Every structure is written in structure tokens, then in C-alpha cells.
PDB file of N, CA and C in Angstrom:
ATOM      1  N   MET A   1      -0.715  15.817 -41.339  1.00  0.00           N
ATOM      2  CA  MET A   1       0.247  15.294 -40.413  1.00  0.00           C
ATOM      3  C   MET A   1       0.679  13.904 -40.860  1.00  0.00           C
ATOM      4  N   HIS A   2       1.885  13.582 -40.510  1.00  0.00           N
ATOM      5  CA  HIS A   2       2.460  12.283 -40.838  1.00  0.00           C
ATOM      6  C   HIS A   2       2.011  11.252 -39.796  1.00  0.00           C
ATOM      7  N   PRO A   3       1.738  10.015 -40.223  1.00  0.00           N
ATOM      8  CA  PRO A   3       1.296   8.994 -39.259  1.00  0.00           C
ATOM      9  C   PRO A   3       2.267   8.784 -38.100  1.00  0.00           C
ATOM     10  N   SER A   4       3.551   8.845 -38.367  1.00  0.00           N
ATOM     11  CA  SER A   4       4.508   8.641 -37.279  1.00  0.00           C
ATOM     12  C   SER A   4       4.432   9.781 -36.258  1.00  0.00           C
ATOM     13  N   THR A   5       4.094  10.983 -36.701  1.00  0.00           N
ATOM     14  CA  THR A   5       3.910  12.110 -35.786  1.00  0.00           C
ATOM     15  C   THR A   5       2.689  11.885 -34.911  1.00  0.00           C
ATOM     16  N   ILE A   6       1.604  11.401 -35.512  1.00  0.00           N
ATOM     17  CA  ILE A   6       0.377  11.120 -34.765  1.00  0.00           C
ATOM     18  C   ILE A   6       0.638  10.034 -33.717  1.00  0.00           C
ATOM     19  N   ILE A   7       1.348   8.992 -34.124  1.00  0.00           N
ATOM     20  CA  ILE A   7       1.671   7.898 -33.199  1.00  0.00           C
ATOM     21  C   ILE A   7       2.566   8.401 -32.066  1.00  0.00           C
ATOM     22  N   GLY A   8       3.550   9.214 -32.416  1.00  0.00           N
ATOM     23  CA  GLY A   8       4.440   9.781 -31.402  1.00  0.00           C
ATOM     24  C   GLY A   8       3.689  10.647 -30.404  1.00  0.00           C
ATOM     25  N   ASP A   9       2.757  11.462 -30.914  1.00  0.00           N
ATOM     26  CA  ASP A   9       1.948  12.306 -30.023  1.00  0.00           C
ATOM     27  C   ASP A   9       1.074  11.451 -29.104  1.00  0.00           C
ATOM     28  N   ALA A  10       0.480  10.396 -29.661  1.00  0.00           N
ATOM     29  CA  ALA A  10      -0.365   9.507 -28.862  1.00  0.00           C
ATOM     30  C   ALA A  10       0.464   8.819 -27.772  1.00  0.00           C
ATOM     31  N   LYS A  11       1.651   8.356 -28.128  1.00  0.00           N
ATOM     32  CA  LYS A  11       2.528   7.716 -27.141  1.00  0.00           C
ATOM     33  C   LYS A  11       2.896   8.699 -26.040  1.00  0.00           C
ATOM     34  N   ALA A  12       3.195   9.922 -26.404  1.00  0.00           N
ATOM     35  CA  ALA A  12       3.563  10.937 -25.421  1.00  0.00           C
ATOM     36  C   ALA A  12       2.403  11.226 -24.473  1.00  0.00           C
ATOM     37  N   LYS A  13       1.172  11.289 -25.015  1.00  0.00           N
ATOM     38  CA  LYS A  13       0.000  11.524 -24.168  1.00  0.00           C
ATOM     39  C   LYS A  13      -0.199  10.381 -23.181  1.00  0.00           C
ATOM     40  N   VAL A  14      -0.077   9.150 -23.677  1.00  0.00           N
ATOM     41  CA  VAL A  14      -0.253   7.982 -22.814  1.00  0.00           C
ATOM     42  C   VAL A  14       0.833   7.966 -21.731  1.00  0.00           C
ATOM     43  N   ALA A  15       2.062   8.219 -22.115  1.00  0.00           N
ATOM     44  CA  ALA A  15       3.161   8.233 -21.148  1.00  0.00           C
ATOM     45  C   ALA A  15       2.932   9.312 -20.089  1.00  0.00           C
ATOM     46  N   SER A  16       2.440  10.451 -20.508  1.00  0.00           N
ATOM     47  CA  SER A  16       2.160  11.529 -19.565  1.00  0.00           C
ATOM     48  C   SER A  16       1.066  11.126 -18.581  1.00  0.00           C
ATOM     49  N   LYS A  17       0.012  10.500 -19.087  1.00  0.00           N
ATOM     50  CA  LYS A  17      -1.088  10.045 -18.216  1.00  0.00           C
ATOM     51  C   LYS A  17      -0.590   8.989 -17.234  1.00  0.00           C
ATOM     52  N   VAL A  18       0.224   8.064 -17.719  1.00  0.00           N
ATOM     53  CA  VAL A  18       0.757   7.010 -16.846  1.00  0.00           C
ATOM     54  C   VAL A  18       1.644   7.624 -15.776  1.00  0.00           C
ATOM     55  N   ASP A  19       2.510   8.547 -16.144  1.00  0.00           N
ATOM     56  CA  ASP A  19       3.375   9.218 -15.168  1.00  0.00           C
ATOM     57  C   ASP A  19       2.550   9.965 -14.127  1.00  0.00           C
ATOM     58  N   HIS A  20       1.504  10.649 -14.575  1.00  0.00           N
ATOM     59  CA  HIS A  20       0.642  11.402 -13.669  1.00  0.00           C
ATOM     60  C   HIS A  20      -0.061  10.456 -12.696  1.00  0.00           C
ATOM     61  N   THR A  21      -0.610   9.350 -13.235  1.00  0.00           N
ATOM     62  CA  THR A  21      -1.322   8.381 -12.403  1.00  0.00           C
ATOM     63  C   THR A  21      -0.366   7.707 -11.421  1.00  0.00           C
ATOM     64  N   ALA A  22       0.811   7.340 -11.879  1.00  0.00           N
ATOM     65  CA  ALA A  22       1.800   6.715 -11.005  1.00  0.00           C
ATOM     66  C   ALA A  22       2.237   7.685  -9.913  1.00  0.00           C
ATOM     67  N   GLY A  23       2.396   8.933 -10.255  1.00  0.00           N
ATOM     68  CA  GLY A  23       2.763   9.943  -9.265  1.00  0.00           C
ATOM     69  C   GLY A  23       1.690  10.105  -8.201  1.00  0.00           C
ATOM     70  N   ARG A  24       0.438  10.121  -8.628  1.00  0.00           N
ATOM     71  CA  ARG A  24      -0.669  10.233  -7.671  1.00  0.00           C
ATOM     72  C   ARG A  24      -0.736   8.999  -6.786  1.00  0.00           C
ATOM     73  N   ALA A  25      -0.526   7.817  -7.368  1.00  0.00           N
ATOM     74  CA  ALA A  25      -0.550   6.580  -6.587  1.00  0.00           C
ATOM     75  C   ALA A  25       0.577   6.560  -5.563  1.00  0.00           C
ATOM     76  N   CYS A  26       1.726   7.017  -5.958  1.00  0.00           N
ATOM     77  CA  CYS A  26       2.883   7.073  -5.047  1.00  0.00           C
ATOM     78  C   CYS A  26       2.614   8.058  -3.906  1.00  0.00           C
ATOM     79  N   ALA A  27       2.066   9.200  -4.219  1.00  0.00           N
ATOM     80  CA  ALA A  27       1.745  10.190  -3.188  1.00  0.00           C
ATOM     81  C   ALA A  27       0.698   9.634  -2.225  1.00  0.00           C
ATOM     82  N   PHE A  28      -0.299   8.931  -2.745  1.00  0.00           N
ATOM     83  CA  PHE A  28      -1.326   8.326  -1.902  1.00  0.00           C
ATOM     84  C   PHE A  28      -0.712   7.278  -0.985  1.00  0.00           C
ATOM     85  N   ALA A  29       0.143   6.418  -1.542  1.00  0.00           N
ATOM     86  CA  ALA A  29       0.793   5.373  -0.743  1.00  0.00           C
ATOM     87  C   ALA A  29       1.653   5.999   0.356  1.00  0.00           C
ATOM     88  N   ASN A  30       2.380   7.046   0.044  1.00  0.00           N
ATOM     89  CA  ASN A  30       3.209   7.724   1.043  1.00  0.00           C
ATOM     90  C   ASN A  30       2.350   8.308   2.157  1.00  0.00           C
ATOM     91  N   ARG A  31       1.202   8.871   1.785  1.00  0.00           N
ATOM     92  CA  ARG A  31       0.293   9.450   2.770  1.00  0.00           C
ATOM     93  C   ARG A  31      -0.264   8.361   3.698  1.00  0.00           C
ATOM     94  N   VAL A  32      -0.642   7.215   3.122  1.00  0.00           N
ATOM     95  CA  VAL A  32      -1.176   6.108   3.924  1.00  0.00           C
ATOM     96  C   VAL A  32      -0.107   5.587   4.875  1.00  0.00           C
ATOM     97  N   VAL A  33       1.107   5.399   4.379  1.00  0.00           N
ATOM     98  CA  VAL A  33       2.203   4.912   5.225  1.00  0.00           C
ATOM     99  C   VAL A  33       2.464   5.897   6.363  1.00  0.00           C
ATOM    100  N   ALA A  34       2.467   7.170   6.072  1.00  0.00           N
ATOM    101  CA  ALA A  34       2.697   8.179   7.104  1.00  0.00           C
ATOM    102  C   ALA A  34       1.573   8.156   8.140  1.00  0.00           C
ATOM    103  N   ASP A  35       0.327   7.982   7.690  1.00  0.00           N
ATOM    104  CA  ASP A  35      -0.799   7.917   8.619  1.00  0.00           C
ATOM    105  C   ASP A  35      -0.691   6.699   9.529  1.00  0.00           C
ATOM    106  N   VAL A  36      -0.370   5.555   8.950  1.00  0.00           N
ATOM    107  CA  VAL A  36      -0.232   4.335   9.749  1.00  0.00           C
ATOM    108  C   VAL A  36       0.932   4.479  10.716  1.00  0.00           C
ATOM    109  N   ARG A  37       2.038   4.987  10.224  1.00  0.00           N
ATOM    110  CA  ARG A  37       3.221   5.168  11.083  1.00  0.00           C
ATOM    111  C   ARG A  37       2.900   6.089  12.252  1.00  0.00           C
ATOM    112  N   SER A  38       2.137   7.143  12.007  1.00  0.00           N
ATOM    113  CA  SER A  38       1.802   8.074  13.084  1.00  0.00           C
ATOM    114  C   SER A  38       0.917   7.421  14.139  1.00  0.00           C
ATOM    115  N   GLN A  39       0.193   6.370  13.764  1.00  0.00           N
ATOM    116  CA  GLN A  39      -0.627   5.649  14.728  1.00  0.00           C
ATOM    117  C   GLN A  39       0.219   4.792  15.668  1.00  0.00           C
ATOM    118  N   PHE A  40       1.371   4.338  15.191  1.00  0.00           N
ATOM    119  CA  PHE A  40       2.193   3.414  15.961  1.00  0.00           C
ATOM    120  C   PHE A  40       3.510   4.009  16.456  1.00  0.00           C
ATOM    121  N   MET A  41       3.808   5.254  16.112  1.00  0.00           N
ATOM    122  CA  MET A  41       5.037   5.916  16.548  1.00  0.00           C
ATOM    123  C   MET A  41       4.688   7.335  17.001  1.00  0.00           C
ATOM    124  N   THR A  42       5.417   7.818  18.005  1.00  0.00           N
ATOM    125  CA  THR A  42       5.244   9.207  18.416  1.00  0.00           C
ATOM    126  C   THR A  42       5.995  10.108  17.437  1.00  0.00           C
ATOM    127  N   ASP A  43       5.848  11.400  17.605  1.00  0.00           N
ATOM    128  CA  ASP A  43       6.571  12.346  16.749  1.00  0.00           C
ATOM    129  C   ASP A  43       8.080  12.235  16.934  1.00  0.00           C
ATOM    130  N   GLU A  44       8.502  11.746  18.099  1.00  0.00           N
ATOM    131  CA  GLU A  44       9.931  11.590  18.381  1.00  0.00           C
ATOM    132  C   GLU A  44      10.477  10.267  17.855  1.00  0.00           C
ATOM    133  N   GLY A  45       9.611   9.415  17.323  1.00  0.00           N
ATOM    134  CA  GLY A  45      10.045   8.136  16.780  1.00  0.00           C
ATOM    135  C   GLY A  45      10.020   6.998  17.787  1.00  0.00           C
ATOM    136  N   VAL A  46       9.369   7.226  18.920  1.00  0.00           N
ATOM    137  CA  VAL A  46       9.270   6.197  19.964  1.00  0.00           C
ATOM    138  C   VAL A  46       8.037   5.334  19.670  1.00  0.00           C
ATOM    139  N   PRO A  47       8.194   3.995  19.707  1.00  0.00           N
ATOM    140  CA  PRO A  47       7.037   3.125  19.463  1.00  0.00           C
ATOM    141  C   PRO A  47       5.949   3.311  20.519  1.00  0.00           C
ATOM    142  N   ARG A  48       4.698   3.291  20.084  1.00  0.00           N
ATOM    143  CA  ARG A  48       3.555   3.372  20.997  1.00  0.00           C
ATOM    144  C   ARG A  48       3.109   1.947  21.320  1.00  0.00           C
ATOM    145  N   LEU A  49       3.654   1.396  22.386  1.00  0.00           N
ATOM    146  CA  LEU A  49       3.378   0.008  22.745  1.00  0.00           C
ATOM    147  C   LEU A  49       1.904  -0.228  23.049  1.00  0.00           C
ATOM    148  N   GLU A  50       1.216   0.800  23.556  1.00  0.00           N
ATOM    149  CA  GLU A  50      -0.199   0.643  23.863  1.00  0.00           C
ATOM    150  C   GLU A  50      -1.038   0.416  22.602  1.00  0.00           C
ATOM    151  N   ARG A  51      -0.470   0.703  21.449  1.00  0.00           N
ATOM    152  CA  ARG A  51      -1.161   0.439  20.176  1.00  0.00           C
ATOM    153  C   ARG A  51      -0.543  -0.743  19.437  1.00  0.00           C
ATOM    154  N   ILE A  52       0.753  -0.924  19.590  1.00  0.00           N
ATOM    155  CA  ILE A  52       1.441  -1.997  18.864  1.00  0.00           C
ATOM    156  C   ILE A  52       1.059  -3.365  19.412  1.00  0.00           C
ATOM    157  N   VAL A  53       1.036  -3.515  20.735  1.00  0.00           N
ATOM    158  CA  VAL A  53       0.761  -4.821  21.338  1.00  0.00           C
ATOM    159  C   VAL A  53      -0.629  -5.333  20.957  1.00  0.00           C
ATOM    160  N   PRO A  54      -1.695  -4.540  21.091  1.00  0.00           N
ATOM    161  CA  PRO A  54      -3.012  -5.057  20.672  1.00  0.00           C
ATOM    162  C   PRO A  54      -3.078  -5.389  19.185  1.00  0.00           C
ATOM    163  N   ALA A  55      -2.449  -4.578  18.351  1.00  0.00           N
ATOM    164  CA  ALA A  55      -2.456  -4.851  16.908  1.00  0.00           C
ATOM    165  C   ALA A  55      -1.724  -6.152  16.606  1.00  0.00           C
ATOM    166  N   ALA A  56      -0.622  -6.391  17.293  1.00  0.00           N
ATOM    167  CA  ALA A  56       0.128  -7.629  17.095  1.00  0.00           C
ATOM    168  C   ALA A  56      -0.689  -8.829  17.565  1.00  0.00           C
ATOM    169  N   MET A  57      -1.400  -8.679  18.681  1.00  0.00           N
ATOM    170  CA  MET A  57      -2.227  -9.778  19.181  1.00  0.00           C
ATOM    171  C   MET A  57      -3.354 -10.111  18.201  1.00  0.00           C
ATOM    172  N   VAL A  58      -3.959  -9.102  17.623  1.00  0.00           N
ATOM    173  CA  VAL A  58      -5.007  -9.337  16.624  1.00  0.00           C
ATOM    174  C   VAL A  58      -4.425 -10.050  15.413  1.00  0.00           C
ATOM    175  N   ALA A  59      -3.251  -9.624  14.960  1.00  0.00           N
ATOM    176  CA  ALA A  59      -2.615 -10.252  13.797  1.00  0.00           C
ATOM    177  C   ALA A  59      -2.298 -11.714  14.080  1.00  0.00           C
ATOM    178  N   VAL A  60      -1.773 -12.007  15.267  1.00  0.00           N
ATOM    179  CA  VAL A  60      -1.466 -13.393  15.626  1.00  0.00           C
ATOM    180  C   VAL A  60      -2.748 -14.214  15.690  1.00  0.00           C
ATOM    181  N   GLY A  61      -3.800 -13.647  16.248  1.00  0.00           N
ATOM    182  CA  GLY A  61      -5.082 -14.345  16.314  1.00  0.00           C
ATOM    183  C   GLY A  61      -5.645 -14.664  14.942  1.00  0.00           C
ATOM    184  N   VAL A  62      -5.586 -13.701  14.044  1.00  0.00           N
ATOM    185  CA  VAL A  62      -6.085 -13.919  12.680  1.00  0.00           C
ATOM    186  C   VAL A  62      -5.257 -14.992  11.978  1.00  0.00           C
ATOM    187  N   LEU A  63      -3.938 -14.930  12.120  1.00  0.00           N
ATOM    188  CA  LEU A  63      -3.088 -15.953  11.505  1.00  0.00           C
ATOM    189  C   LEU A  63      -3.378 -17.331  12.090  1.00  0.00           C
ATOM    190  N   GLY A  64      -3.612 -17.390  13.398  1.00  0.00           N
ATOM    191  CA  GLY A  64      -3.948 -18.657  14.025  1.00  0.00           C
ATOM    192  C   GLY A  64      -5.248 -19.219  13.485  1.00  0.00           C
ATOM    193  N   LEU A  65      -6.261 -18.375  13.350  1.00  0.00           N
ATOM    194  CA  LEU A  65      -7.545 -18.833  12.799  1.00  0.00           C
ATOM    195  C   LEU A  65      -7.393 -19.303  11.357  1.00  0.00           C
ATOM    196  N   LEU A  66      -6.613 -18.585  10.575  1.00  0.00           N
ATOM    197  CA  LEU A  66      -6.395 -19.001   9.189  1.00  0.00           C
ATOM    198  C   LEU A  66      -5.671 -20.340   9.121  1.00  0.00           C
ATOM    199  N   THR A  67      -4.698 -20.530  10.000  1.00  0.00           N
ATOM    200  CA  THR A  67      -3.959 -21.792  10.028  1.00  0.00           C
ATOM    201  C   THR A  67      -4.872 -22.948  10.411  1.00  0.00           C
ATOM    202  N   VAL A  68      -5.666 -22.774  11.448  1.00  0.00           N
ATOM    203  CA  VAL A  68      -6.585 -23.830  11.879  1.00  0.00           C
ATOM    204  C   VAL A  68      -7.591 -24.116  10.777  1.00  0.00           C
ATOM    205  N   SER A  69      -8.096 -23.082  10.152  1.00  0.00           N
ATOM    206  CA  SER A  69      -9.090 -23.252   9.095  1.00  0.00           C
ATOM    207  C   SER A  69      -8.507 -24.012   7.906  1.00  0.00           C
ATOM    208  N   SER A  70      -7.263 -23.666   7.515  1.00  0.00           N
ATOM    209  CA  SER A  70      -6.662 -24.341   6.363  1.00  0.00           C
ATOM    210  C   SER A  70      -6.354 -25.804   6.678  1.00  0.00           C
ATOM    211  N   LYS A  71      -6.000 -26.104   7.928  1.00  0.00           N
ATOM    212  CA  LYS A  71      -5.725 -27.486   8.312  1.00  0.00           C
ATOM    213  C   LYS A  71      -7.010 -28.309   8.313  1.00  0.00           C
ATOM    214  N   ARG A  72      -8.128 -27.707   8.690  1.00  0.00           N
ATOM    215  CA  ARG A  72      -9.417 -28.415   8.669  1.00  0.00           C
ATOM    216  C   ARG A  72      -9.842 -28.756   7.246  1.00  0.00           C
ATOM    217  N   HIS A  73      -9.580 -27.822   6.316  1.00  0.00           N
ATOM    218  CA  HIS A  73      -9.982 -28.048   4.922  1.00  0.00           C
ATOM    219  C   HIS A  73      -9.116 -29.114   4.255  1.00  0.00           C
ATOM    220  N   LYS A  74      -7.861 -29.228   4.678  1.00  0.00           N
ATOM    221  CA  LYS A  74      -6.958 -30.223   4.087  1.00  0.00           C
ATOM    222  C   LYS A  74      -7.249 -31.622   4.614  1.00  0.00           C
ATOM    223  N   ALA A  75      -7.732 -31.719   5.830  1.00  0.00           N
ATOM    224  CA  ALA A  75      -7.970 -33.042   6.452  1.00  0.00           C
ATOM    225  C   ALA A  75      -9.246 -33.681   5.996  1.00  0.00           C
TER     226      ALA A  75
END
């Protein structure tokens, strides 16, 4: 076999593996997004406020703690 053929075959194998891995990662990400969305939206697309409000409050609390903590370290 010619070296350029070997190199071409190796490149094709690597590209195939990368495409396969990227495809699996994309499918996984789509599945996670769909799972999270189903937690916060009904099947009809209506927001579930009983889940959104507590999650938002936790996020605000965490951001507040991080802000206070970073200000203490700077002072």
C-alpha cells in the first residue's frame, strides 16, 4: 500500500469516530434538554409554575451567596 493511502484511511477512520462521538453527544444533550423541559413544562407547553418558582428562588439564593462570598474575599 502507498503511504498516502494509509494516511487517507487513518484520517477517514478518525473522522468517522469523531462524527459518531459527536452524534452520540448531540443525542445525549437533546435527551437531557427534553427531560429538563418536561420537568418545567406540561405536554401542552404550559409552564409548571409550581416547579419554576422554587427553582428560580434556589438559583437567586445561590447567586446571592456567591456574590456575598466574592465580595468578602475581595475586601
